[in-house]
Amino acid sequence: MRRTYRNVLREIAYDNHGYVTTADAADAGVPVVELPKLTARGGLDHVGYGLYRMTDIPPTDDDQFAEATLRAGDDAFLRGESVLALLGLGDVNPTKITVGTGRRVRRAMPTYINVIQTQAGTKVTRYRGIRAQQLSEALLECKGRVPASRLRDAAAQARAEGLLTTAEWNRVRKELAA
């Protein structure tokens, strides 16, 4: 198969929920000026500043979460209820996707994305390929905003699915009982 810019971008997009950033494209050797050209030809959709989506990759339920973190920048991650919603825990359906980042984000965001500047030291991991606050921390951050019984059920389900270690499970259970 011939290695075209479109094929290179498609490989990146498959690993990134269909999205390609200008930085990812440049790192892969695709000149940034090619992205608007591919957009004009119908191979990409321009989503936001420095963010494109491949038109031939089918959407998934996780796309909005991936888009929210990519729009906010390289160090962005899901927080609180958004982590629970991504993982299908706690029966939460936040009206806005909350994204944390260590720096100020000046670019305009859609109304469904809430960007919060966070302190250094937040434990960040990846769930389904999307940067997110560690689940144990997200559960505890939701305390007071989500009913405690739903958080306890979410923690039990997460433990059963292997998303919480024994130490995290014990800590979350203890703090949610208090």
N, C-alpha and C. Protein backbone atom coordinates (compact mmCIF):
# COMPACT_ATOMS: atom_id res chain seq x y z
N MET A 1 0.85 -1.18 0.00
CA MET A 1 0.00 0.00 0.00
C MET A 1 0.89 1.24 0.00
N ARG A 2 0.52 2.18 -0.83
CA ARG A 2 1.27 3.42 -0.94
C ARG A 2 1.09 4.25 0.33
N ARG A 3 2.18 4.79 0.83
CA ARG A 3 2.16 5.57 2.07
C ARG A 3 1.88 7.04 1.74
N THR A 4 0.61 7.41 1.81
CA THR A 4 0.21 8.78 1.52
C THR A 4 0.01 9.52 2.85
N TYR A 5 -0.09 10.85 2.75
CA TYR A 5 -0.37 11.63 3.95
C TYR A 5 -1.69 11.20 4.59
N ARG A 6 -2.68 10.92 3.74
CA ARG A 6 -3.99 10.50 4.25
C ARG A 6 -3.87 9.19 5.03
N ASN A 7 -3.06 8.25 4.53
CA ASN A 7 -2.87 6.97 5.23
C ASN A 7 -2.14 7.15 6.56
N VAL A 8 -1.16 8.03 6.58
CA VAL A 8 -0.44 8.32 7.82
C VAL A 8 -1.40 8.93 8.85
N LEU A 9 -2.20 9.88 8.41
CA LEU A 9 -3.17 10.51 9.31
C LEU A 9 -4.22 9.51 9.79
N ARG A 10 -4.63 8.60 8.92
CA ARG A 10 -5.61 7.59 9.30
C ARG A 10 -5.05 6.69 10.41
N GLU A 11 -3.77 6.32 10.31
CA GLU A 11 -3.14 5.50 11.36
C GLU A 11 -3.16 6.23 12.70
N ILE A 12 -2.86 7.51 12.68
CA ILE A 12 -2.89 8.31 13.90
C ILE A 12 -4.32 8.35 14.44
N ALA A 13 -5.27 8.59 13.56
CA ALA A 13 -6.67 8.73 13.96
C ALA A 13 -7.23 7.45 14.56
N TYR A 14 -6.85 6.30 14.03
CA TYR A 14 -7.34 5.03 14.59
C TYR A 14 -6.93 4.86 16.04
N ASP A 15 -5.79 5.39 16.40
CA ASP A 15 -5.31 5.30 17.78
C ASP A 15 -5.85 6.42 18.66
N ASN A 16 -6.61 7.36 18.06
CA ASN A 16 -7.00 8.57 18.78
C ASN A 16 -8.49 8.88 18.59
N HIS A 17 -9.33 7.84 18.55
CA HIS A 17 -10.78 8.01 18.41
C HIS A 17 -11.18 8.79 17.17
N GLY A 18 -10.38 8.70 16.12
CA GLY A 18 -10.71 9.37 14.87
C GLY A 18 -10.14 10.76 14.72
N TYR A 19 -9.45 11.24 15.73
CA TYR A 19 -8.95 12.62 15.73
C TYR A 19 -7.46 12.68 15.42
N VAL A 20 -7.06 13.79 14.81
CA VAL A 20 -5.66 14.07 14.49
C VAL A 20 -5.39 15.51 14.89
N THR A 21 -4.33 15.74 15.64
CA THR A 21 -3.92 17.11 15.96
C THR A 21 -2.82 17.52 14.99
N THR A 22 -2.64 18.81 14.85
CA THR A 22 -1.57 19.29 13.98
C THR A 22 -0.21 18.84 14.52
N ALA A 23 -0.08 18.78 15.84
CA ALA A 23 1.19 18.33 16.43
C ALA A 23 1.44 16.87 16.11
N ASP A 24 0.40 16.01 16.19
CA ASP A 24 0.57 14.59 15.84
C ASP A 24 0.96 14.44 14.38
N ALA A 25 0.32 15.23 13.51
CA ALA A 25 0.62 15.16 12.08
C ALA A 25 2.07 15.56 11.82
N ALA A 26 2.51 16.65 12.43
CA ALA A 26 3.88 17.11 12.23
C ALA A 26 4.88 16.07 12.76
N ASP A 27 4.58 15.48 13.91
CA ASP A 27 5.47 14.45 14.47
C ASP A 27 5.57 13.24 13.54
N ALA A 28 4.51 12.96 12.79
CA ALA A 28 4.51 11.81 11.87
C ALA A 28 5.07 12.16 10.50
N GLY A 29 5.50 13.41 10.32
CA GLY A 29 6.11 13.81 9.06
C GLY A 29 5.14 14.37 8.04
N VAL A 30 3.92 14.64 8.45
CA VAL A 30 2.93 15.24 7.54
C VAL A 30 2.98 16.75 7.71
N PRO A 31 3.28 17.48 6.66
CA PRO A 31 3.32 18.94 6.79
C PRO A 31 1.95 19.47 7.21
N VAL A 32 1.95 20.42 8.12
CA VAL A 32 0.71 20.97 8.66
C VAL A 32 -0.15 21.60 7.55
N VAL A 33 0.47 22.11 6.49
CA VAL A 33 -0.29 22.73 5.40
C VAL A 33 -1.13 21.71 4.64
N GLU A 34 -0.83 20.42 4.78
CA GLU A 34 -1.61 19.39 4.10
C GLU A 34 -2.97 19.16 4.74
N LEU A 35 -3.12 19.49 6.02
CA LEU A 35 -4.39 19.24 6.71
C LEU A 35 -5.55 20.05 6.12
N PRO A 36 -5.40 21.35 5.88
CA PRO A 36 -6.49 22.08 5.22
C PRO A 36 -6.77 21.58 3.80
N LYS A 37 -5.73 21.12 3.11
CA LYS A 37 -5.93 20.58 1.76
C LYS A 37 -6.79 19.32 1.81
N LEU A 38 -6.48 18.43 2.75
CA LEU A 38 -7.27 17.20 2.89
C LEU A 38 -8.69 17.53 3.36
N THR A 39 -8.83 18.57 4.15
CA THR A 39 -10.17 19.00 4.58
C THR A 39 -10.97 19.47 3.38
N ALA A 40 -10.36 20.22 2.50
CA ALA A 40 -11.04 20.71 1.30
C ALA A 40 -11.44 19.56 0.38
N ARG A 41 -10.66 18.49 0.37
CA ARG A 41 -10.96 17.32 -0.49
C ARG A 41 -11.93 16.35 0.16
N GLY A 42 -12.28 16.59 1.43
CA GLY A 42 -13.26 15.73 2.09
C GLY A 42 -12.69 14.59 2.91
N GLY A 43 -11.40 14.55 3.10
CA GLY A 43 -10.80 13.48 3.89
C GLY A 43 -10.80 13.74 5.38
N LEU A 44 -10.88 15.01 5.74
CA LEU A 44 -10.86 15.42 7.14
C LEU A 44 -11.96 16.44 7.40
N ASP A 45 -12.40 16.51 8.63
CA ASP A 45 -13.28 17.58 9.08
C ASP A 45 -12.49 18.43 10.06
N HIS A 46 -12.52 19.75 9.89
CA HIS A 46 -11.87 20.65 10.84
C HIS A 46 -12.80 20.80 12.04
N VAL A 47 -12.34 20.38 13.21
CA VAL A 47 -13.16 20.37 14.42
C VAL A 47 -12.92 21.63 15.26
N GLY A 48 -11.69 22.00 15.41
CA GLY A 48 -11.31 23.15 16.21
C GLY A 48 -9.87 23.51 15.93
N TYR A 49 -9.39 24.52 16.62
CA TYR A 49 -8.02 24.98 16.42
C TYR A 49 -7.04 23.81 16.59
N GLY A 50 -6.35 23.46 15.51
CA GLY A 50 -5.35 22.40 15.55
C GLY A 50 -5.91 20.99 15.69
N LEU A 51 -7.21 20.81 15.44
CA LEU A 51 -7.83 19.50 15.64
C LEU A 51 -8.71 19.14 14.44
N TYR A 52 -8.49 17.93 13.94
CA TYR A 52 -9.23 17.42 12.78
C TYR A 52 -9.75 16.03 13.10
N ARG A 53 -10.79 15.62 12.36
CA ARG A 53 -11.34 14.28 12.51
C ARG A 53 -11.42 13.63 11.14
N MET A 54 -10.96 12.38 11.05
CA MET A 54 -11.04 11.62 9.80
C MET A 54 -12.50 11.31 9.51
N THR A 55 -12.93 11.58 8.29
CA THR A 55 -14.33 11.40 7.94
C THR A 55 -14.72 9.93 7.77
N ASP A 56 -13.77 9.06 7.48
CA ASP A 56 -14.11 7.66 7.22
C ASP A 56 -13.96 6.74 8.44
N ILE A 57 -13.70 7.31 9.61
CA ILE A 57 -13.63 6.50 10.83
C ILE A 57 -14.97 6.66 11.56
N PRO A 58 -15.67 5.55 11.79
CA PRO A 58 -16.99 5.65 12.43
C PRO A 58 -16.91 6.22 13.84
N PRO A 59 -17.89 7.05 14.21
CA PRO A 59 -17.89 7.62 15.56
C PRO A 59 -18.21 6.56 16.62
N THR A 60 -17.76 6.82 17.85
CA THR A 60 -18.04 5.94 18.98
C THR A 60 -18.63 6.78 20.12
N ASP A 61 -19.07 6.11 21.17
CA ASP A 61 -19.63 6.81 22.32
C ASP A 61 -18.59 7.65 23.06
N ASP A 62 -17.32 7.32 22.89
CA ASP A 62 -16.25 8.01 23.62
C ASP A 62 -15.69 9.23 22.89
N ASP A 63 -16.15 9.49 21.69
CA ASP A 63 -15.57 10.56 20.87
C ASP A 63 -15.63 11.93 21.52
N GLN A 64 -16.76 12.27 22.14
CA GLN A 64 -16.87 13.60 22.76
C GLN A 64 -15.85 13.78 23.88
N PHE A 65 -15.60 12.71 24.63
CA PHE A 65 -14.62 12.79 25.71
C PHE A 65 -13.21 13.00 25.13
N ALA A 66 -12.89 12.25 24.08
CA ALA A 66 -11.58 12.40 23.44
C ALA A 66 -11.44 13.80 22.86
N GLU A 67 -12.47 14.27 22.19
CA GLU A 67 -12.42 15.61 21.60
C GLU A 67 -12.22 16.68 22.67
N ALA A 68 -12.90 16.54 23.79
CA ALA A 68 -12.79 17.54 24.86
C ALA A 68 -11.36 17.65 25.36
N THR A 69 -10.71 16.51 25.58
CA THR A 69 -9.32 16.57 26.07
C THR A 69 -8.37 17.08 25.00
N LEU A 70 -8.59 16.69 23.74
CA LEU A 70 -7.71 17.15 22.67
C LEU A 70 -7.86 18.64 22.41
N ARG A 71 -9.07 19.17 22.53
CA ARG A 71 -9.28 20.60 22.34
C ARG A 71 -8.55 21.42 23.39
N ALA A 72 -8.45 20.89 24.61
CA ALA A 72 -7.84 21.64 25.72
C ALA A 72 -6.32 21.57 25.72
N GLY A 73 -5.72 20.65 24.98
CA GLY A 73 -4.26 20.62 24.90
C GLY A 73 -3.66 19.30 25.34
N ASP A 74 -2.34 19.21 25.19
CA ASP A 74 -1.61 17.96 25.43
C ASP A 74 -1.71 17.44 26.86
N ASP A 75 -1.75 18.34 27.83
CA ASP A 75 -1.75 17.88 29.22
C ASP A 75 -3.15 17.77 29.82
N ALA A 76 -4.19 17.92 29.00
CA ALA A 76 -5.56 17.91 29.48
C ALA A 76 -6.03 16.49 29.81
N PHE A 77 -6.97 16.40 30.76
CA PHE A 77 -7.50 15.10 31.19
C PHE A 77 -8.91 15.28 31.73
N LEU A 78 -9.71 14.22 31.65
CA LEU A 78 -11.06 14.25 32.19
C LEU A 78 -11.01 14.28 33.71
N ARG A 79 -12.02 14.90 34.33
CA ARG A 79 -12.08 15.00 35.79
C ARG A 79 -13.47 14.62 36.29
N GLY A 80 -13.52 14.20 37.54
CA GLY A 80 -14.76 14.00 38.28
C GLY A 80 -15.81 13.18 37.57
N GLU A 81 -17.03 13.76 37.47
CA GLU A 81 -18.17 13.06 36.88
C GLU A 81 -17.90 12.63 35.44
N SER A 82 -17.05 13.36 34.73
CA SER A 82 -16.74 13.01 33.35
C SER A 82 -16.01 11.67 33.27
N VAL A 83 -15.16 11.40 34.24
CA VAL A 83 -14.47 10.10 34.29
C VAL A 83 -15.49 8.99 34.53
N LEU A 84 -16.42 9.23 35.47
CA LEU A 84 -17.46 8.24 35.75
C LEU A 84 -18.33 8.01 34.53
N ALA A 85 -18.68 9.07 33.82
CA ALA A 85 -19.52 8.96 32.63
C ALA A 85 -18.79 8.17 31.53
N LEU A 86 -17.50 8.44 31.35
CA LEU A 86 -16.72 7.71 30.35
C LEU A 86 -16.75 6.21 30.63
N LEU A 87 -16.63 5.85 31.90
CA LEU A 87 -16.55 4.44 32.28
C LEU A 87 -17.92 3.82 32.54
N GLY A 88 -18.97 4.61 32.43
CA GLY A 88 -20.32 4.08 32.65
C GLY A 88 -20.59 3.72 34.09
N LEU A 89 -20.05 4.51 35.01
CA LEU A 89 -20.20 4.25 36.45
C LEU A 89 -21.05 5.33 37.11
N GLY A 90 -21.74 4.96 38.17
CA GLY A 90 -22.44 5.94 39.01
C GLY A 90 -23.70 6.53 38.42
N ASP A 91 -24.12 6.03 37.27
CA ASP A 91 -25.35 6.53 36.64
C ASP A 91 -25.34 8.06 36.56
N VAL A 92 -24.21 8.62 36.08
CA VAL A 92 -24.10 10.06 35.94
C VAL A 92 -24.19 10.44 34.47
N ASN A 93 -24.72 11.60 34.21
CA ASN A 93 -24.82 12.14 32.86
C ASN A 93 -24.59 13.64 32.94
N PRO A 94 -23.31 14.04 33.08
CA PRO A 94 -23.04 15.48 33.25
C PRO A 94 -23.43 16.28 32.02
N THR A 95 -23.91 17.50 32.24
CA THR A 95 -24.29 18.37 31.13
C THR A 95 -23.05 18.93 30.43
N LYS A 96 -21.94 18.97 31.15
CA LYS A 96 -20.67 19.44 30.58
C LYS A 96 -19.58 18.42 30.86
N ILE A 97 -18.67 18.28 29.93
CA ILE A 97 -17.50 17.42 30.13
C ILE A 97 -16.45 18.28 30.81
N THR A 98 -16.04 17.86 32.00
CA THR A 98 -15.05 18.62 32.76
C THR A 98 -13.65 18.12 32.42
N VAL A 99 -12.81 19.06 32.01
CA VAL A 99 -11.45 18.77 31.61
C VAL A 99 -10.52 19.58 32.48
N GLY A 100 -9.52 18.92 33.06
CA GLY A 100 -8.51 19.61 33.85
C GLY A 100 -7.24 19.79 33.06
N THR A 101 -6.53 20.86 33.33
CA THR A 101 -5.25 21.11 32.68
C THR A 101 -4.39 21.95 33.62
N GLY A 102 -3.10 21.80 33.51
CA GLY A 102 -2.19 22.52 34.37
C GLY A 102 -1.88 23.93 33.92
N ARG A 103 -2.42 24.32 32.79
CA ARG A 103 -2.13 25.65 32.27
C ARG A 103 -3.41 26.33 31.83
N ARG A 104 -3.31 27.59 31.56
CA ARG A 104 -4.48 28.36 31.13
C ARG A 104 -4.77 28.04 29.65
N VAL A 105 -6.04 27.83 29.34
CA VAL A 105 -6.45 27.57 27.97
C VAL A 105 -7.18 28.80 27.46
N ARG A 106 -6.65 29.42 26.42
CA ARG A 106 -7.22 30.66 25.91
C ARG A 106 -8.15 30.45 24.73
N ARG A 107 -8.03 29.32 24.07
CA ARG A 107 -8.87 29.12 22.89
C ARG A 107 -10.33 28.92 23.28
N ALA A 108 -11.21 29.29 22.40
CA ALA A 108 -12.65 29.17 22.65
C ALA A 108 -13.05 27.70 22.68
N MET A 109 -13.90 27.35 23.62
CA MET A 109 -14.37 25.98 23.77
C MET A 109 -15.88 25.92 23.52
N PRO A 110 -16.35 24.79 23.01
CA PRO A 110 -17.80 24.62 22.90
C PRO A 110 -18.45 24.67 24.28
N THR A 111 -19.73 24.95 24.31
CA THR A 111 -20.43 25.11 25.58
C THR A 111 -20.48 23.83 26.40
N TYR A 112 -20.32 22.67 25.78
CA TYR A 112 -20.39 21.41 26.52
C TYR A 112 -19.07 21.02 27.19
N ILE A 113 -18.04 21.85 27.05
CA ILE A 113 -16.75 21.56 27.67
C ILE A 113 -16.46 22.61 28.73
N ASN A 114 -16.13 22.14 29.93
CA ASN A 114 -15.77 23.01 31.05
C ASN A 114 -14.30 22.75 31.38
N VAL A 115 -13.44 23.72 31.13
CA VAL A 115 -12.00 23.56 31.38
C VAL A 115 -11.66 24.18 32.73
N ILE A 116 -10.98 23.40 33.57
CA ILE A 116 -10.58 23.85 34.90
C ILE A 116 -9.07 23.78 35.00
N GLN A 117 -8.47 24.86 35.47
CA GLN A 117 -7.04 24.86 35.70
C GLN A 117 -6.79 24.13 37.02
N THR A 118 -5.90 23.15 37.01
CA THR A 118 -5.67 22.31 38.18
C THR A 118 -4.26 22.49 38.73
N GLN A 119 -4.10 22.06 39.96
CA GLN A 119 -2.80 22.08 40.60
C GLN A 119 -1.97 20.90 40.09
N ALA A 120 -0.69 21.03 40.13
CA ALA A 120 0.20 19.93 39.75
C ALA A 120 0.02 18.79 40.76
N GLY A 121 0.25 17.59 40.32
CA GLY A 121 0.18 16.46 41.22
C GLY A 121 -1.06 15.60 41.07
N THR A 122 -1.98 15.97 40.19
CA THR A 122 -3.15 15.14 39.95
C THR A 122 -2.70 13.85 39.28
N LYS A 123 -3.16 12.73 39.80
CA LYS A 123 -2.80 11.43 39.23
C LYS A 123 -3.63 11.22 37.97
N VAL A 124 -2.92 11.09 36.84
CA VAL A 124 -3.58 10.95 35.54
C VAL A 124 -3.21 9.61 34.94
N THR A 125 -4.20 8.97 34.33
CA THR A 125 -4.00 7.69 33.66
C THR A 125 -4.76 7.74 32.34
N ARG A 126 -4.90 6.61 31.69
CA ARG A 126 -5.69 6.53 30.45
C ARG A 126 -6.76 5.46 30.61
N TYR A 127 -7.98 5.82 30.25
CA TYR A 127 -9.09 4.88 30.18
C TYR A 127 -9.61 4.94 28.75
N ARG A 128 -9.65 3.79 28.09
CA ARG A 128 -10.10 3.70 26.69
C ARG A 128 -9.31 4.64 25.79
N GLY A 129 -8.04 4.84 26.12
CA GLY A 129 -7.16 5.67 25.31
C GLY A 129 -7.30 7.17 25.56
N ILE A 130 -8.09 7.56 26.55
CA ILE A 130 -8.32 8.98 26.84
C ILE A 130 -7.69 9.32 28.19
N ARG A 131 -6.93 10.41 28.22
CA ARG A 131 -6.32 10.84 29.48
C ARG A 131 -7.41 11.22 30.46
N ALA A 132 -7.29 10.70 31.69
CA ALA A 132 -8.31 10.95 32.70
C ALA A 132 -7.70 10.91 34.09
N GLN A 133 -8.36 11.60 35.00
CA GLN A 133 -8.01 11.56 36.41
C GLN A 133 -8.16 10.11 36.87
N GLN A 134 -7.29 9.68 37.75
CA GLN A 134 -7.38 8.32 38.28
C GLN A 134 -8.77 8.12 38.90
N LEU A 135 -9.37 6.97 38.65
CA LEU A 135 -10.75 6.72 39.05
C LEU A 135 -10.98 6.90 40.54
N SER A 136 -10.06 6.44 41.36
CA SER A 136 -10.25 6.59 42.81
C SER A 136 -10.36 8.06 43.19
N GLU A 137 -9.53 8.90 42.58
CA GLU A 137 -9.58 10.34 42.85
C GLU A 137 -10.87 10.96 42.30
N ALA A 138 -11.31 10.51 41.14
CA ALA A 138 -12.53 11.03 40.53
C ALA A 138 -13.75 10.70 41.40
N LEU A 139 -13.79 9.48 41.93
CA LEU A 139 -14.90 9.09 42.81
C LEU A 139 -14.96 10.00 44.04
N LEU A 140 -13.81 10.25 44.63
CA LEU A 140 -13.77 11.08 45.84
C LEU A 140 -14.08 12.54 45.52
N GLU A 141 -13.69 13.01 44.33
CA GLU A 141 -13.97 14.38 43.93
C GLU A 141 -15.49 14.59 43.76
N CYS A 142 -16.21 13.54 43.42
CA CYS A 142 -17.66 13.64 43.20
C CYS A 142 -18.46 13.63 44.50
N LYS A 143 -17.78 13.37 45.60
CA LYS A 143 -18.46 13.33 46.89
C LYS A 143 -19.13 14.67 47.15
N GLY A 144 -20.42 14.64 47.48
CA GLY A 144 -21.18 15.86 47.71
C GLY A 144 -21.93 16.33 46.48
N ARG A 145 -21.51 15.89 45.29
CA ARG A 145 -22.21 16.27 44.05
C ARG A 145 -23.04 15.11 43.50
N VAL A 146 -22.59 13.89 43.79
CA VAL A 146 -23.30 12.68 43.38
C VAL A 146 -23.70 11.96 44.67
N PRO A 147 -24.94 11.45 44.76
CA PRO A 147 -25.35 10.76 45.99
C PRO A 147 -24.36 9.67 46.41
N ALA A 148 -24.09 9.61 47.71
CA ALA A 148 -23.08 8.68 48.24
C ALA A 148 -23.41 7.23 47.88
N SER A 149 -24.69 6.87 47.87
CA SER A 149 -25.05 5.49 47.53
C SER A 149 -24.65 5.16 46.09
N ARG A 150 -24.81 6.10 45.18
CA ARG A 150 -24.41 5.86 43.79
C ARG A 150 -22.89 5.78 43.67
N LEU A 151 -22.18 6.59 44.45
CA LEU A 151 -20.71 6.52 44.42
C LEU A 151 -20.22 5.19 44.98
N ARG A 152 -20.86 4.72 46.04
CA ARG A 152 -20.47 3.41 46.61
C ARG A 152 -20.73 2.29 45.60
N ASP A 153 -21.89 2.36 44.94
CA ASP A 153 -22.20 1.36 43.91
C ASP A 153 -21.20 1.44 42.75
N ALA A 154 -20.85 2.65 42.36
CA ALA A 154 -19.87 2.84 41.28
C ALA A 154 -18.52 2.27 41.67
N ALA A 155 -18.11 2.50 42.92
CA ALA A 155 -16.83 1.98 43.39
C ALA A 155 -16.85 0.45 43.40
N ALA A 156 -17.95 -0.14 43.85
CA ALA A 156 -18.07 -1.60 43.87
C ALA A 156 -18.02 -2.17 42.45
N GLN A 157 -18.71 -1.52 41.53
CA GLN A 157 -18.69 -1.97 40.15
C GLN A 157 -17.29 -1.84 39.55
N ALA A 158 -16.62 -0.72 39.85
CA ALA A 158 -15.26 -0.49 39.35
C ALA A 158 -14.30 -1.54 39.89
N ARG A 159 -14.46 -1.88 41.15
CA ARG A 159 -13.61 -2.91 41.75
C ARG A 159 -13.85 -4.25 41.07
N ALA A 160 -15.12 -4.58 40.81
CA ALA A 160 -15.46 -5.84 40.15
C ALA A 160 -14.91 -5.90 38.73
N GLU A 161 -14.83 -4.75 38.08
CA GLU A 161 -14.31 -4.69 36.71
C GLU A 161 -12.79 -4.55 36.68
N GLY A 162 -12.14 -4.47 37.84
CA GLY A 162 -10.70 -4.37 37.90
C GLY A 162 -10.16 -2.97 37.67
N LEU A 163 -11.00 -1.97 37.84
CA LEU A 163 -10.57 -0.58 37.63
C LEU A 163 -9.97 0.05 38.88
N LEU A 164 -10.17 -0.58 40.03
CA LEU A 164 -9.60 -0.10 41.29
C LEU A 164 -8.74 -1.20 41.90
N THR A 165 -7.57 -0.83 42.39
CA THR A 165 -6.75 -1.79 43.12
C THR A 165 -7.35 -1.99 44.50
N THR A 166 -6.86 -2.97 45.22
CA THR A 166 -7.36 -3.23 46.57
C THR A 166 -7.14 -2.03 47.47
N ALA A 167 -5.97 -1.42 47.39
CA ALA A 167 -5.67 -0.25 48.23
C ALA A 167 -6.60 0.92 47.88
N GLU A 168 -6.81 1.17 46.57
CA GLU A 168 -7.71 2.25 46.16
C GLU A 168 -9.15 1.95 46.62
N TRP A 169 -9.58 0.72 46.46
CA TRP A 169 -10.93 0.29 46.85
C TRP A 169 -11.15 0.53 48.34
N ASN A 170 -10.18 0.11 49.16
CA ASN A 170 -10.29 0.30 50.61
C ASN A 170 -10.34 1.78 50.98
N ARG A 171 -9.49 2.58 50.35
CA ARG A 171 -9.46 4.01 50.64
C ARG A 171 -10.76 4.70 50.23
N VAL A 172 -11.25 4.40 49.04
CA VAL A 172 -12.50 5.00 48.54
C VAL A 172 -13.67 4.58 49.42
N ARG A 173 -13.74 3.30 49.75
CA ARG A 173 -14.82 2.79 50.57
C ARG A 173 -14.84 3.49 51.94
N LYS A 174 -13.65 3.63 52.53
CA LYS A 174 -13.52 4.28 53.83
C LYS A 174 -13.96 5.74 53.77
N GLU A 175 -13.50 6.48 52.75
CA GLU A 175 -13.82 7.91 52.65
C GLU A 175 -15.28 8.16 52.26
N LEU A 176 -15.87 7.25 51.50
CA LEU A 176 -17.27 7.42 51.14
C LEU A 176 -18.20 7.07 52.29
N ALA A 177 -17.72 6.24 53.21
CA ALA A 177 -18.52 5.86 54.39
C ALA A 177 -18.55 6.99 55.42
N ALA A 178 -17.53 7.85 55.38
CA ALA A 178 -17.41 8.93 56.39
C ALA A 178 -18.40 10.05 56.14
